[in-house]
Amino acid sequence: MNVDADLLLSQRIEQLLVERNLRGMADLRAHLKPGYCLRAAQLLRDCRGPALIGTGFPVLDTFETDGPAGAIALYRVLEALGSEPVLVCGEQLANALAGDYRVEAMPLGPVPGLIDKVKEVVGRIDPELLISIELPGRAADGRYYNMRGEDISEHCFCFDDFLSVLACPSVAIGDGGNEIGMGNVVGGLAGLDIIPAATCCDELVIADVSNWAAHGLVAMLSYWSGEDYLARWDNRLVLEYLAVRGSVDGVTRENTLSEDGLPCESGKLLVEALQQLVAEARSAP
């Protein structure tokens, strides 16, 4: 492994993922140690046992497209690498995915006995890795908020508790500042018009769209393995899969084939750009 080449590719991916700077993530990047895509992807690569992937940001009475699509991408690559991924979601999303993926359904809201449920899942699955993608993180006041500053605590499941109970490595992905993991860069969130999350993680990966960060990690894994896992990704097909199960765009709140207000073609182009970066890195002397 060429450490310098790996770090260079990681930094190129990190820059690409925040190129649009839709919600200030390009500015937040300065608060992260370079190579975070590399380090997060290493945790995925080294996981051979169970991995829990939490996702499903609540919007109105359903879930948004950003998050579940990226979780599916990570699930597929982890499975291909020999891990045993499990999607951890609120009950509605879990029920929607249960026919095609291993899932754990979690109750919504601060219900009694929640920490016991978390401990039961942890004890039964014994995960080696935790991944959170586009999930609300607890704010300093213990509540959960969306980008509009609305309190959505009653509609969230508390994946934060998995991070507090488990000592295994954790990766978190976010794109706005109110997601799990953003406690790592709380000092850089002051300029954003949000109520930031306080929950920390081992490695935080940021992007203009959280789904895109998942593809960035898959790109790193493709580079190491020599197999183009991104070639298997059909952005439209996955968004169609989620749409028929009730997903909505997190920005427009409409049941469309889009991610955070961007058409599915934008995600397709992002994946193609990542493939190009990997190809260039592999062909470099």
Protein backbone atom coordinates (compact mmCIF):
# COMPACT_ATOMS: atom_id res chain seq x y z
CA MET A 1 0.00 0.00 0.00
CA ASN A 2 1.33 3.42 -0.98
CA VAL A 3 0.47 5.61 1.98
CA ASP A 4 1.13 8.89 0.15
CA ALA A 5 -0.99 7.83 -2.84
CA ASP A 6 -3.81 6.67 -0.54
CA LEU A 7 -3.85 9.98 1.31
CA LEU A 8 -3.80 11.96 -1.93
CA LEU A 9 -6.78 10.05 -3.29
CA SER A 10 -8.63 10.48 0.00
CA GLN A 11 -8.08 14.24 -0.07
CA ARG A 12 -9.24 14.46 -3.69
CA ILE A 13 -12.41 12.55 -2.74
CA GLU A 14 -12.93 14.75 0.31
CA GLN A 15 -12.73 17.86 -1.87
CA LEU A 16 -15.09 16.45 -4.48
CA LEU A 17 -17.71 15.51 -1.89
CA VAL A 18 -18.11 19.13 -0.70
CA GLU A 19 -17.54 20.89 -4.03
CA ARG A 20 -21.00 22.44 -4.16
CA ASN A 21 -20.85 23.61 -0.53
CA LEU A 22 -24.64 23.49 -0.25
CA ARG A 23 -24.74 23.78 3.56
CA GLY A 24 -21.28 24.92 4.54
CA MET A 25 -19.53 21.55 4.53
CA ALA A 26 -16.63 22.83 2.40
CA ASP A 27 -15.90 25.33 5.18
CA LEU A 28 -16.30 22.66 7.85
CA ARG A 29 -13.74 20.49 6.11
CA ALA A 30 -10.97 22.70 7.52
CA HIS A 31 -11.91 21.45 11.00
CA LEU A 32 -11.23 17.81 10.11
CA LYS A 33 -7.84 16.15 9.87
CA PRO A 34 -7.20 15.37 6.16
CA GLY A 35 -7.57 11.73 5.20
CA TYR A 36 -10.84 11.12 6.99
CA CYS A 37 -12.26 9.20 4.02
CA LEU A 38 -9.17 7.00 4.05
CA ARG A 39 -9.40 6.34 7.79
CA ALA A 40 -13.15 5.67 7.71
CA ALA A 41 -12.79 3.33 4.73
CA GLN A 42 -10.05 1.42 6.57
CA LEU A 43 -12.51 0.72 9.39
CA LEU A 44 -14.98 -0.69 6.85
CA ARG A 45 -12.28 -2.71 5.10
CA ASP A 46 -11.05 -4.27 8.34
CA CYS A 47 -14.52 -5.25 9.60
CA ARG A 48 -15.17 -8.97 9.11
CA GLY A 49 -17.97 -9.47 11.60
CA PRO A 50 -21.33 -7.74 12.10
CA ALA A 51 -21.65 -4.02 11.37
CA LEU A 52 -24.63 -1.89 12.35
CA ILE A 53 -25.63 0.82 9.86
CA GLY A 54 -28.07 3.34 11.30
CA THR A 55 -30.11 5.51 8.94
CA GLY A 56 -33.50 7.10 8.32
CA PHE A 57 -33.88 10.84 8.93
CA PRO A 58 -37.57 11.55 9.68
CA VAL A 59 -39.43 13.97 7.40
CA LEU A 60 -43.11 14.58 8.12
CA ASP A 61 -44.46 11.08 8.75
CA THR A 62 -41.93 9.20 6.63
CA PHE A 63 -38.20 9.13 5.82
CA GLU A 64 -35.96 10.98 3.39
CA THR A 65 -34.05 9.55 0.44
CA ASP A 66 -30.71 10.87 1.69
CA GLY A 67 -29.31 8.31 4.08
CA PRO A 68 -31.08 5.06 3.18
CA ALA A 69 -29.60 5.05 -0.34
CA GLY A 70 -26.10 5.52 1.03
CA ALA A 71 -26.75 2.92 3.72
CA ILE A 72 -27.70 0.43 1.00
CA ALA A 73 -24.44 1.23 -0.84
CA LEU A 74 -22.41 0.61 2.32
CA TYR A 75 -24.40 -2.54 3.14
CA ARG A 76 -23.62 -4.00 -0.29
CA VAL A 77 -19.90 -3.29 -0.20
CA LEU A 78 -19.52 -4.55 3.38
CA GLU A 79 -21.29 -7.75 2.41
CA ALA A 80 -19.01 -8.13 -0.62
CA LEU A 81 -16.00 -7.72 1.67
CA GLY A 82 -17.18 -10.49 3.98
CA SER A 83 -18.83 -8.48 6.75
CA GLU A 84 -22.36 -9.01 8.08
CA PRO A 85 -24.12 -5.65 7.84
CA VAL A 86 -27.44 -4.94 9.53
CA LEU A 87 -29.54 -1.83 8.86
CA VAL A 88 -30.84 -0.21 12.04
CA CYS A 89 -33.88 1.99 11.35
CA GLY A 90 -37.09 3.31 12.75
CA GLU A 91 -39.96 0.89 12.41
CA GLN A 92 -41.43 2.33 9.19
CA LEU A 93 -38.17 2.25 7.24
CA ALA A 94 -37.19 -1.11 8.74
CA ASN A 95 -40.48 -2.62 7.60
CA ALA A 96 -39.96 -1.18 4.11
CA LEU A 97 -36.51 -2.76 3.78
CA ALA A 98 -37.01 -6.00 5.69
CA GLY A 99 -37.77 -8.12 2.63
CA ASP A 100 -34.41 -7.37 1.03
CA TYR A 101 -31.94 -6.63 3.84
CA ARG A 102 -31.10 -7.66 7.38
CA VAL A 103 -32.74 -5.02 9.57
CA GLU A 104 -33.31 -4.10 13.19
CA ALA A 105 -36.41 -2.02 13.87
CA MET A 106 -36.16 0.56 16.64
CA PRO A 107 -39.01 2.38 18.38
CA LEU A 108 -39.34 6.12 17.79
CA GLY A 109 -39.14 8.76 20.45
CA PRO A 110 -37.78 8.72 24.01
CA VAL A 111 -39.76 5.64 25.01
CA PRO A 112 -39.25 3.88 28.36
CA GLY A 113 -36.77 1.02 28.29
CA LEU A 114 -35.03 2.21 25.13
CA ILE A 115 -31.52 1.68 26.49
CA ASP A 116 -32.49 -1.89 27.37
CA LYS A 117 -33.57 -2.45 23.76
CA VAL A 118 -30.22 -1.09 22.56
CA LYS A 119 -28.33 -3.40 24.92
CA GLU A 120 -30.41 -6.36 23.78
CA VAL A 121 -29.59 -5.69 20.11
CA VAL A 122 -25.91 -5.16 20.91
CA GLY A 123 -25.75 -8.34 22.98
CA ARG A 124 -27.42 -10.41 20.28
CA ILE A 125 -25.46 -9.09 17.27
CA ASP A 126 -22.14 -8.16 18.94
CA PRO A 127 -21.12 -5.64 16.23
CA GLU A 128 -17.52 -4.84 15.33
CA LEU A 129 -18.39 -1.53 13.69
CA LEU A 130 -21.03 1.19 13.95
CA ILE A 131 -21.95 3.41 11.00
CA SER A 132 -24.39 6.29 11.13
CA ILE A 133 -25.46 7.95 7.90
CA GLU A 134 -27.73 10.99 7.86
CA LEU A 135 -29.23 10.45 11.30
CA PRO A 136 -30.22 13.24 13.69
CA GLY A 137 -27.79 13.56 16.57
CA ARG A 138 -28.67 14.71 20.05
CA ALA A 139 -28.14 18.40 20.58
CA ALA A 140 -26.60 19.75 23.77
CA ASP A 141 -30.09 19.96 25.31
CA GLY A 142 -30.74 16.26 24.65
CA ARG A 143 -33.31 16.88 21.92
CA TYR A 144 -33.23 16.31 18.14
CA TYR A 145 -33.70 19.03 15.52
CA ASN A 146 -34.02 19.23 11.75
CA MET A 147 -32.43 21.88 9.52
CA ARG A 148 -35.44 24.14 10.11
CA GLY A 149 -34.80 24.09 13.86
CA GLU A 150 -37.96 22.05 14.48
CA ASP A 151 -37.89 19.64 17.41
CA ILE A 152 -38.30 16.16 15.87
CA SER A 153 -37.43 14.12 18.96
CA GLU A 154 -40.70 12.20 18.94
CA HIS A 155 -39.97 10.94 15.40
CA CYS A 156 -36.34 9.86 15.92
CA PHE A 157 -34.83 6.63 17.10
CA CYS A 158 -31.82 7.15 19.33
CA PHE A 159 -28.86 5.62 17.50
CA ASP A 160 -26.70 7.81 19.74
CA ASP A 161 -27.30 5.22 22.46
CA PHE A 162 -25.54 2.56 20.40
CA LEU A 163 -22.44 4.74 20.32
CA SER A 164 -22.61 5.27 24.08
CA VAL A 165 -23.08 1.56 24.86
CA LEU A 166 -20.50 0.12 22.43
CA ALA A 167 -16.74 0.51 22.50
CA CYS A 168 -16.22 -0.62 18.90
CA PRO A 169 -15.11 1.85 16.17
CA SER A 170 -17.70 4.25 14.78
CA VAL A 171 -18.08 6.12 11.50
CA ALA A 172 -20.64 8.89 11.05
CA ILE A 173 -21.73 10.68 7.90
CA GLY A 174 -23.51 14.02 7.70
CA ASP A 175 -24.12 17.02 5.47
CA GLY A 176 -25.63 19.75 7.62
CA GLY A 177 -24.31 19.84 11.18
CA ASN A 178 -27.29 18.33 13.02
CA GLU A 179 -26.33 14.70 12.44
CA ILE A 180 -24.64 12.12 14.66
CA GLY A 181 -20.88 12.66 14.61
CA MET A 182 -20.95 16.44 14.29
CA GLY A 183 -19.85 16.75 17.89
CA ASN A 184 -16.36 16.12 16.49
CA VAL A 185 -16.40 19.56 14.86
CA VAL A 186 -18.77 21.48 17.11
CA GLY A 187 -16.38 24.45 17.07
CA GLY A 188 -16.80 24.78 13.32
CA LEU A 189 -20.61 24.76 13.38
CA ALA A 190 -21.14 28.13 15.04
CA GLY A 191 -21.60 29.93 11.73
CA LEU A 192 -24.35 27.62 10.50
CA ASP A 193 -28.02 28.47 11.04
CA ILE A 194 -28.82 25.22 12.83
CA ILE A 195 -29.08 23.65 16.24
CA PRO A 196 -25.99 21.42 16.02
CA ALA A 197 -25.65 17.84 17.16
CA ALA A 198 -23.29 17.09 20.04
CA THR A 199 -22.76 13.35 19.52
CA CYS A 200 -19.19 12.38 18.59
CA CYS A 201 -17.74 9.44 16.66
CA ASP A 202 -14.33 8.01 15.78
CA GLU A 203 -14.35 9.16 12.14
CA LEU A 204 -16.65 11.79 10.66
CA VAL A 205 -17.17 12.01 6.88
CA ILE A 206 -18.93 15.06 5.44
CA ALA A 207 -20.43 15.73 2.03
CA ASP A 208 -22.88 18.00 0.23
CA VAL A 209 -25.28 15.03 0.29
CA SER A 210 -24.75 12.26 2.84
CA ASN A 211 -25.40 9.54 0.27
CA TRP A 212 -22.43 10.86 -1.67
CA ALA A 213 -20.10 10.34 1.29
CA ALA A 214 -21.05 6.66 1.24
CA HIS A 215 -20.03 6.50 -2.42
CA GLY A 216 -16.75 8.20 -1.49
CA LEU A 217 -16.00 5.41 0.99
CA VAL A 218 -16.93 2.80 -1.61
CA ALA A 219 -14.50 4.52 -3.99
CA MET A 220 -11.64 4.10 -1.51
CA LEU A 221 -12.54 0.43 -1.06
CA SER A 222 -12.65 -0.03 -4.85
CA TYR A 223 -9.20 1.51 -5.16
CA TRP A 224 -7.70 -0.92 -2.66
CA SER A 225 -9.44 -4.03 -3.95
CA GLY A 226 -9.02 -3.37 -7.66
CA GLU A 227 -12.72 -4.10 -8.11
CA ASP A 228 -15.01 -1.23 -9.15
CA TYR A 229 -17.82 -1.56 -6.64
CA LEU A 230 -19.23 1.75 -7.90
CA ALA A 231 -19.94 0.15 -11.29
CA ARG A 232 -22.72 -1.84 -9.63
CA TRP A 233 -24.52 1.30 -8.44
CA ASP A 234 -27.65 2.48 -10.26
CA ASN A 235 -28.72 5.71 -8.55
CA ARG A 236 -32.10 5.94 -10.26
CA LEU A 237 -32.99 2.33 -9.52
CA VAL A 238 -32.24 2.69 -5.80
CA LEU A 239 -34.16 5.97 -5.53
CA GLU A 240 -37.11 4.32 -7.31
CA TYR A 241 -36.90 1.44 -4.83
CA LEU A 242 -37.12 3.89 -1.92
CA ALA A 243 -39.79 6.06 -3.54
CA VAL A 244 -42.30 3.25 -3.91
CA ARG A 245 -41.76 2.57 -0.20
CA GLY A 246 -42.68 6.12 0.77
CA SER A 247 -39.45 8.14 0.78
CA VAL A 248 -39.42 11.90 0.25
CA ASP A 249 -36.75 14.41 -0.66
CA GLY A 250 -35.49 15.96 2.58
CA VAL A 251 -35.48 19.49 1.11
CA THR A 252 -38.65 19.56 -0.99
CA ARG A 253 -40.52 16.99 1.15
CA GLU A 254 -41.89 15.49 -2.05
CA ASN A 255 -41.94 11.86 -3.20
CA THR A 256 -39.46 12.35 -6.04
CA LEU A 257 -36.33 10.65 -7.39
CA SER A 258 -34.01 13.23 -5.86
CA GLU A 259 -31.57 13.74 -3.00
CA ASP A 260 -31.66 16.96 -0.98
CA GLY A 261 -33.29 18.83 -3.84
CA LEU A 262 -30.89 17.50 -6.48
CA PRO A 263 -32.07 15.22 -9.32
CA CYS A 264 -30.85 11.62 -9.32
CA GLU A 265 -28.61 12.47 -12.29
CA SER A 266 -26.48 14.58 -9.93
CA GLY A 267 -25.73 11.51 -7.85
CA LYS A 268 -24.95 9.54 -10.99
CA LEU A 269 -22.45 12.18 -12.10
CA LEU A 270 -20.85 12.19 -8.65
CA VAL A 271 -20.34 8.43 -8.81
CA GLU A 272 -18.80 8.75 -12.26
CA ALA A 273 -16.44 11.46 -11.00
CA LEU A 274 -15.37 9.18 -8.14
CA GLN A 275 -14.72 6.37 -10.60
CA GLN A 276 -12.52 8.73 -12.59
CA LEU A 277 -10.53 9.68 -9.48
CA VAL A 278 -9.97 6.01 -8.66
CA ALA A 279 -8.91 5.23 -12.23
CA GLU A 280 -6.41 8.11 -12.20
CA ALA A 281 -5.02 7.02 -8.84
CA ARG A 282 -4.59 3.43 -9.97
CA SER A 283 -2.81 4.48 -13.17
CA ALA A 284 -0.43 6.91 -11.45
CA PRO A 285 3.23 5.78 -11.32
